[in-house]
Amino acid sequence: MRIIFMGSPDFAVPSLEALVAAGHDVVAAYCQPPRPAGRGKGQRKTAVHDRAEALGIPVRTPRSLRNAEAQAEFAALDADLAVVAAYGLILPPEILGAPKGGCINVHASLLPRWRGAAPIQRAILAGDDVTGVTIMRMDEGLDTGPMLLKRELAIDSKNAGQVTEQLAINGAQALLDWLDHPSTPQVQADAEATYAAKIDKAEARIDWALPAAAILRQVRAFAPAPGAWFEANGERVKLLDAAVADVSGPPGTVLDAGLVIACGNGAIRPLLVQRAGRSAMSPGDLLRGFPIAPGTILQ
């Protein structure tokens, strides 16, 4: 099958690799353009861009698909199908209708729950027990198209990075399963839909007035990036892993020499922290060079 692949981050790479391994003819990979990154602000390619080049697949990085030239180039590929996985651009009707079989999407939620940009983080923040991946046929709405195949994943104590990695693998397998055994599309129940808004960096700041369970969800939802954080000694400290502690005190108060911190209900025991410009470390390692005394009120 002649397939156009459209994706950008690490999440999309297993789906691209699965298509190639299964013998499909991936005629082009569409990705977000390289962007400045790092201290030197050099141009960094997306994960799919790098992998597609390594596989010998032509790469295209248009900044928009709404102009006639980009649409004509896309249609000229004469694809049987386009597969989309976290591409990052809205597909106009001219793109959606160009491949003979339309466009299908590998979406990281159990639709219709969590349509939108940040389904994995929103599922963890909301305390969902289960998430998953949905293969869906795309239409002009935001993740509103008919569903083709679903695969569930228990969230348990996984953070967003771990969930993303597993859903990327599950999504690639679900994609191949559907291509091998196409199923009847199932219309989404719009009344059951929820919206997964893009993560605002301000959401990553910890509010110690919240219950410990809610803060723990915040820690897991924002790990490894952007990282939930608090302020101590005038610096931001990221909290990358933590557990709930069965103690209490005024919210934001450091309760012991191990950096247990009181919340609105219960307390949080940090397990992995990170100062700006440093590697992640244990609370013990942090405190040896960055003392935070018991009784300190964190902001």
Foldseek 3Di string as FASTA:
>chain_A
DEEAEAAFAPLQVLLVVLCVVVPYHHQEYEAAFFWQDDPVRDTDGTPNVVVCVVVVHHYDHDPACPDPVNLVVLLVSQAQEYEYEHRPYQDDPSNQPRHVNGYKYWAWFDPLEAFEDQRLLVCLLVVPQKTWIWIFGDDNDGPQGFTWDIDMDGCPLAASVVSSVVRSNVSSVRVVVCVVPTDDTHGGDVVPHDYDYDDDPVLLEDDQQDAPSSVQSSLRSQPPPPARWWDDPRFIKGQNHKDWDADADPGQFQAAQQRWGHGNHGTIRGQWMDTPPGDIDGSVVCCVVGPDHGGDRID
